[in-house]
Amino acid sequence: MDNNQSKLNKFKRSTFYKIISEPFGFIGFGLVIILAVIAIFAPIIAPYNPNEIDVINKLESPSSEHILGTDHLGRDTLSRLIYGSRIVLVVSVLTISFGILLALIFGVIAGYSSMMVGNAMLVFFDIIKSFPALLFAITVLALTGPSMVNLIIIIGITRFPAYARLIRAQTLRIRKKEYVMAANAIGASKMSVMYKHILPNVVGPIFIQAAMDIPVVITFEAALSFLGLGTPPPTPSWGTILKIGYSYIRTCPYMVIFGGVALILATLGFTLFGEALRDNLDPN
């Protein structure tokens, strides 16, 4: 009994409990979990194949057969939205991961190297950040062609300077700690110090920033897909669904409505969860 009570008290002191005990944090976490479950079990949940064409039943209004209607090729809108959640999660997670990987490499080097190298890195970060992200992505994708790999790389490049600056600041603070100075005193190499002592202590704050950036990446991907430069057809991206729906908005507005609601709920969930995570982990 005492052991169970101890476990319960420990759970109540955890960051996770603090997040879900807040109304907005609980709502955000719930929306994120629902999105993840839908994406993972999409083949089971979706009533139809998302790419199954049925021209006879194109642009149908919501009915018992097609709950959210069909698109211009007769494809089930609900099934495409369900499978589109996979694109949302895959692009978001891989983009943020790629951005963090670049930021860890360049940020730690900028913070642990000489002042000259650090300043040069800051100029490099500022140059990349100075480009309008959406315009930069449109230009590169127009030249290289739309693909999920290109999309992930380009969005990751546009996001990593902010992470790298944060990691550099953390590295400058940590390099003055006693254990880092002791490692330097016993002759440890710079690579060893960065890998064993710097990296493990800078990843915490970066995850807070990453959680706040996921909604940005989701809307970024949807915007590029809407412009025809995101994930190529027939991949059921939410941005593509909105693009098709916009073409038929006067006669069949359901695709725009349901696609917009899905996009709003996904970004709202990650935003609320990210805010709650930041409030409980960021000392400032």
Protein backbone atom coordinates (compact mmCIF):
# COMPACT_ATOMS: atom_id res chain seq x y z
CA MET A 1 0.00 0.00 0.00
CA ASP A 2 2.79 2.38 0.95
CA ASN A 3 4.67 1.37 -2.19
CA ASN A 4 1.65 2.20 -4.37
CA GLN A 5 1.21 5.53 -2.59
CA SER A 6 4.90 6.31 -3.13
CA LYS A 7 4.57 5.54 -6.83
CA LEU A 8 1.48 7.74 -7.04
CA ASN A 9 3.24 10.64 -5.32
CA LYS A 10 6.23 10.23 -7.62
CA PHE A 11 3.91 10.27 -10.65
CA LYS A 12 2.22 13.45 -9.40
CA ARG A 13 5.61 15.15 -9.19
CA SER A 14 6.54 14.16 -12.73
CA THR A 15 6.58 16.62 -15.62
CA PHE A 16 4.06 14.52 -17.54
CA TYR A 17 1.50 14.78 -14.73
CA LYS A 18 2.02 18.53 -14.48
CA ILE A 19 1.38 18.85 -18.21
CA ILE A 20 -1.81 16.78 -18.34
CA SER A 21 -3.11 18.32 -15.10
CA GLU A 22 -3.40 21.65 -16.94
CA PRO A 23 -6.59 21.96 -19.04
CA PHE A 24 -4.81 23.16 -22.19
CA GLY A 25 -1.99 20.67 -21.71
CA PHE A 26 -4.49 17.83 -21.35
CA ILE A 27 -6.39 18.91 -24.47
CA GLY A 28 -3.17 19.27 -26.46
CA PHE A 29 -1.85 15.89 -25.32
CA GLY A 30 -5.20 14.29 -26.14
CA LEU A 31 -5.25 15.72 -29.67
CA VAL A 32 -1.65 14.60 -30.28
CA ILE A 33 -2.42 11.07 -29.07
CA ILE A 34 -5.55 10.88 -31.23
CA LEU A 35 -3.55 12.01 -34.27
CA ALA A 36 -0.83 9.44 -33.53
CA VAL A 37 -3.35 6.61 -33.08
CA ILE A 38 -5.13 7.53 -36.32
CA ALA A 39 -1.81 7.62 -38.20
CA ILE A 40 -0.57 4.30 -36.80
CA PHE A 41 -3.82 2.41 -37.35
CA ALA A 42 -4.80 4.14 -40.61
CA PRO A 43 -5.16 0.86 -42.60
CA ILE A 44 -7.61 -0.42 -39.98
CA ILE A 45 -9.55 2.82 -39.41
CA ALA A 46 -9.86 4.03 -43.03
CA PRO A 47 -13.03 2.66 -44.68
CA TYR A 48 -11.52 2.75 -48.20
CA ASN A 49 -8.24 2.72 -50.02
CA PRO A 50 -7.26 6.44 -50.12
CA ASN A 51 -6.23 6.19 -53.79
CA GLU A 52 -9.18 4.12 -55.01
CA ILE A 53 -10.76 6.01 -57.91
CA ASP A 54 -14.55 5.93 -58.43
CA VAL A 55 -15.34 8.58 -61.04
CA ILE A 56 -19.04 7.73 -61.04
CA ASN A 57 -19.31 8.95 -57.44
CA LYS A 58 -17.05 11.99 -57.73
CA LEU A 59 -17.68 15.16 -55.69
CA GLU A 60 -20.34 13.48 -53.56
CA SER A 61 -21.69 15.22 -50.48
CA PRO A 62 -21.32 13.49 -47.09
CA SER A 63 -23.45 10.35 -46.91
CA SER A 64 -23.67 7.05 -45.07
CA GLU A 65 -21.40 5.47 -47.70
CA HIS A 66 -18.85 8.30 -47.73
CA ILE A 67 -19.06 10.09 -44.38
CA LEU A 68 -17.04 13.13 -45.53
CA GLY A 69 -17.89 12.91 -49.22
CA THR A 70 -15.55 12.26 -52.16
CA ASP A 71 -13.11 14.29 -54.24
CA HIS A 72 -12.99 15.01 -57.99
CA LEU A 73 -11.87 11.43 -58.71
CA GLY A 74 -14.37 9.78 -56.39
CA ARG A 75 -11.77 9.02 -53.71
CA ASP A 76 -13.10 8.87 -50.16
CA THR A 77 -12.23 12.12 -48.33
CA LEU A 78 -12.25 10.55 -44.86
CA SER A 79 -9.80 7.84 -45.91
CA ARG A 80 -7.49 10.40 -47.48
CA LEU A 81 -7.57 12.56 -44.36
CA ILE A 82 -6.80 9.53 -42.19
CA TYR A 83 -3.83 8.51 -44.33
CA GLY A 84 -2.82 12.18 -44.57
CA SER A 85 -2.21 12.15 -40.81
CA ARG A 86 0.71 9.80 -41.53
CA ILE A 87 2.26 12.41 -43.81
CA VAL A 88 1.82 15.02 -41.07
CA LEU A 89 3.63 12.94 -38.46
CA VAL A 90 6.35 11.56 -40.73
CA VAL A 91 7.26 14.94 -42.23
CA SER A 92 7.11 16.70 -38.84
CA VAL A 93 9.19 14.15 -36.93
CA LEU A 94 11.81 13.64 -39.66
CA THR A 95 12.08 17.37 -40.40
CA ILE A 96 12.55 18.32 -36.76
CA SER A 97 14.99 15.42 -36.27
CA PHE A 98 17.05 16.50 -39.28
CA GLY A 99 17.05 20.11 -38.08
CA ILE A 100 18.14 19.07 -34.58
CA LEU A 101 20.92 16.88 -36.00
CA LEU A 102 22.32 19.78 -38.02
CA ALA A 103 21.93 22.13 -35.05
CA LEU A 104 23.75 19.77 -32.68
CA ILE A 105 26.71 19.51 -35.04
CA PHE A 106 27.04 23.19 -35.91
CA GLY A 107 25.80 24.58 -32.59
CA VAL A 108 28.25 22.65 -30.42
CA ILE A 109 31.13 23.49 -32.76
CA ALA A 110 30.15 27.17 -32.68
CA GLY A 111 30.00 27.18 -28.88
CA TYR A 112 33.08 25.13 -28.12
CA SER A 113 35.47 26.41 -30.79
CA SER A 114 37.42 29.67 -30.84
CA MET A 115 35.66 33.02 -30.94
CA MET A 116 36.55 33.43 -34.61
CA VAL A 117 34.95 30.12 -35.56
CA GLY A 118 31.93 30.86 -33.36
CA ASN A 119 31.35 34.26 -34.95
CA ALA A 120 31.72 32.76 -38.44
CA MET A 121 29.11 30.15 -37.52
CA LEU A 122 26.74 32.86 -36.27
CA VAL A 123 27.07 34.68 -39.59
CA PHE A 124 26.33 31.39 -41.36
CA PHE A 125 23.21 30.86 -39.22
CA ASP A 126 22.05 34.43 -39.86
CA ILE A 127 22.52 34.06 -43.63
CA ILE A 128 20.31 30.98 -43.74
CA LYS A 129 17.75 32.54 -41.42
CA SER A 130 17.63 35.73 -43.49
CA PHE A 131 16.05 33.92 -46.43
CA PRO A 132 12.24 33.89 -46.32
CA ALA A 133 11.65 30.24 -45.46
CA LEU A 134 8.63 29.65 -47.68
CA LEU A 135 10.13 31.49 -50.66
CA PHE A 136 13.40 29.57 -50.24
CA ALA A 137 11.54 26.25 -50.13
CA ILE A 138 9.43 27.12 -53.17
CA THR A 139 12.53 28.08 -55.16
CA VAL A 140 14.49 24.94 -54.31
CA LEU A 141 11.54 22.57 -54.78
CA ALA A 142 10.71 24.19 -58.11
CA LEU A 143 14.27 23.38 -59.24
CA THR A 144 14.64 19.92 -57.70
CA GLY A 145 11.06 18.74 -58.04
CA PRO A 146 8.55 17.85 -55.33
CA SER A 147 9.33 14.81 -53.19
CA MET A 148 9.02 13.95 -49.52
CA VAL A 149 12.81 13.63 -49.10
CA ASN A 150 13.45 17.05 -50.64
CA LEU A 151 10.65 18.51 -48.53
CA ILE A 152 12.11 17.15 -45.28
CA ILE A 153 15.64 18.34 -46.10
CA ILE A 154 14.59 21.84 -47.15
CA ILE A 155 12.26 22.50 -44.22
CA GLY A 156 14.88 21.07 -41.85
CA ILE A 157 17.48 23.48 -43.23
CA THR A 158 15.15 26.43 -42.72
CA ARG A 159 14.49 25.45 -39.08
CA PHE A 160 17.95 24.50 -37.84
CA PRO A 161 19.53 27.99 -37.36
CA ALA A 162 17.23 28.76 -34.43
CA TYR A 163 18.13 25.43 -32.80
CA ALA A 164 21.83 25.96 -33.48
CA ARG A 165 21.82 29.37 -31.79
CA LEU A 166 20.14 27.86 -28.74
CA ILE A 167 22.64 24.99 -28.60
CA ARG A 168 25.55 27.42 -28.98
CA ALA A 169 24.28 29.45 -26.02
CA GLN A 170 23.90 26.30 -23.94
CA THR A 171 27.37 25.13 -24.95
CA LEU A 172 28.95 28.46 -23.96
CA ARG A 173 27.35 28.09 -20.53
CA ILE A 174 28.28 24.44 -20.03
CA ARG A 175 31.89 24.75 -21.18
CA LYS A 176 32.57 26.80 -18.01
CA LYS A 177 31.36 24.02 -15.72
CA GLU A 178 33.86 22.30 -13.44
CA TYR A 179 33.49 18.85 -15.00
CA VAL A 180 34.24 20.22 -18.48
CA MET A 181 37.25 22.13 -17.19
CA ALA A 182 38.43 18.97 -15.41
CA ALA A 183 38.12 16.93 -18.62
CA ASN A 184 40.19 19.54 -20.45
CA ALA A 185 42.77 19.53 -17.64
CA ILE A 186 43.39 15.77 -17.90
CA GLY A 187 44.00 16.09 -21.64
CA ALA A 188 40.68 14.87 -23.11
CA SER A 189 40.28 15.69 -26.80
CA LYS A 190 37.80 18.31 -27.94
CA MET A 191 35.72 15.68 -29.72
CA SER A 192 35.58 13.58 -26.56
CA VAL A 193 34.54 16.55 -24.40
CA MET A 194 31.86 17.62 -26.88
CA TYR A 195 30.48 14.08 -27.20
CA LYS A 196 30.60 13.01 -23.54
CA HIS A 197 30.05 16.24 -21.63
CA ILE A 198 28.51 18.90 -23.90
CA LEU A 199 25.96 17.06 -26.05
CA PRO A 200 24.10 15.25 -23.24
CA ASN A 201 23.56 18.56 -21.46
CA VAL A 202 22.27 20.66 -24.38
CA VAL A 203 19.54 18.39 -25.75
CA GLY A 204 16.93 19.25 -23.09
CA PRO A 205 16.12 22.83 -24.11
CA ILE A 206 16.17 21.92 -27.79
CA PHE A 207 13.24 19.53 -27.38
CA ILE A 208 11.12 22.34 -25.96
CA GLN A 209 11.86 24.45 -29.03
CA ALA A 210 11.22 21.46 -31.29
CA ALA A 211 7.81 20.82 -29.71
CA MET A 212 6.89 24.44 -30.37
CA ASP A 213 8.03 24.14 -34.00
CA ILE A 214 5.99 21.08 -34.98
CA PRO A 215 2.82 23.14 -35.75
CA VAL A 216 4.96 25.42 -37.94
CA VAL A 217 6.28 22.43 -39.89
CA ILE A 218 2.76 21.01 -40.30
CA THR A 219 1.44 24.25 -41.82
CA PHE A 220 4.64 24.62 -43.86
CA GLU A 221 4.16 21.20 -45.45
CA ALA A 222 0.47 21.85 -46.06
CA ALA A 223 1.26 25.19 -47.73
CA LEU A 224 3.84 23.63 -50.06
CA SER A 225 1.49 20.75 -50.92
CA PHE A 226 -1.26 23.27 -51.58
CA LEU A 227 1.06 24.95 -54.08
CA GLY A 228 1.85 21.60 -55.70
CA LEU A 229 5.43 21.49 -54.36
CA GLY A 230 4.99 19.20 -51.38
CA THR A 231 4.44 15.46 -51.37
CA PRO A 232 3.68 14.38 -54.97
CA PRO A 233 0.31 12.89 -56.01
CA PRO A 234 -1.40 10.58 -55.34
CA THR A 235 -0.06 10.85 -51.77
CA PRO A 236 -3.00 11.99 -49.60
CA SER A 237 -1.44 15.10 -48.06
CA TRP A 238 -3.79 17.49 -46.25
CA GLY A 239 -2.40 20.36 -48.32
CA THR A 240 -3.23 18.50 -51.53
CA ILE A 241 -6.75 17.81 -50.27
CA LEU A 242 -7.19 21.54 -49.58
CA LYS A 243 -5.84 22.40 -53.02
CA ILE A 244 -8.29 20.06 -54.77
CA GLY A 245 -11.13 21.25 -52.53
CA TYR A 246 -10.37 24.88 -53.31
CA SER A 247 -10.82 24.16 -57.04
CA TYR A 248 -14.36 22.93 -56.36
CA ILE A 249 -15.22 25.10 -53.38
CA ARG A 250 -18.38 26.55 -54.95
CA THR A 251 -19.92 23.20 -55.85
CA CYS A 252 -18.39 20.97 -53.16
CA PRO A 253 -16.94 22.86 -50.17
CA TYR A 254 -16.67 19.79 -47.94
CA MET A 255 -13.04 18.97 -48.75
CA VAL A 256 -11.92 22.46 -47.74
CA ILE A 257 -14.03 22.40 -44.57
CA PHE A 258 -12.95 18.96 -43.35
CA GLY A 259 -9.35 19.37 -44.50
CA GLY A 260 -9.16 22.72 -42.73
CA VAL A 261 -10.64 21.30 -39.52
CA ALA A 262 -8.07 18.45 -39.53
CA LEU A 263 -5.22 20.90 -40.03
CA ILE A 264 -6.50 23.22 -37.29
CA LEU A 265 -6.92 20.40 -34.76
CA ALA A 266 -3.45 18.99 -35.46
CA THR A 267 -1.68 22.35 -35.13
CA LEU A 268 -3.80 23.27 -32.09
CA GLY A 269 -2.91 20.00 -30.35
CA PHE A 270 0.83 20.37 -30.85
CA THR A 271 0.70 24.08 -29.96
CA LEU A 272 -1.11 23.51 -26.67
CA PHE A 273 1.10 20.55 -25.79
CA GLY A 274 4.26 22.49 -26.68
CA GLU A 275 3.15 25.46 -24.58
CA ALA A 276 2.47 23.21 -21.58
CA LEU A 277 5.83 21.48 -22.06
CA ARG A 278 7.64 24.80 -22.20
CA ASP A 279 5.85 26.12 -19.10
CA ASN A 280 6.91 23.09 -17.08
CA LEU A 281 10.45 22.58 -18.36
CA ASP A 282 11.73 26.07 -19.16
CA PRO A 283 12.95 27.75 -15.95
CA ASN A 284 12.36 31.17 -17.53
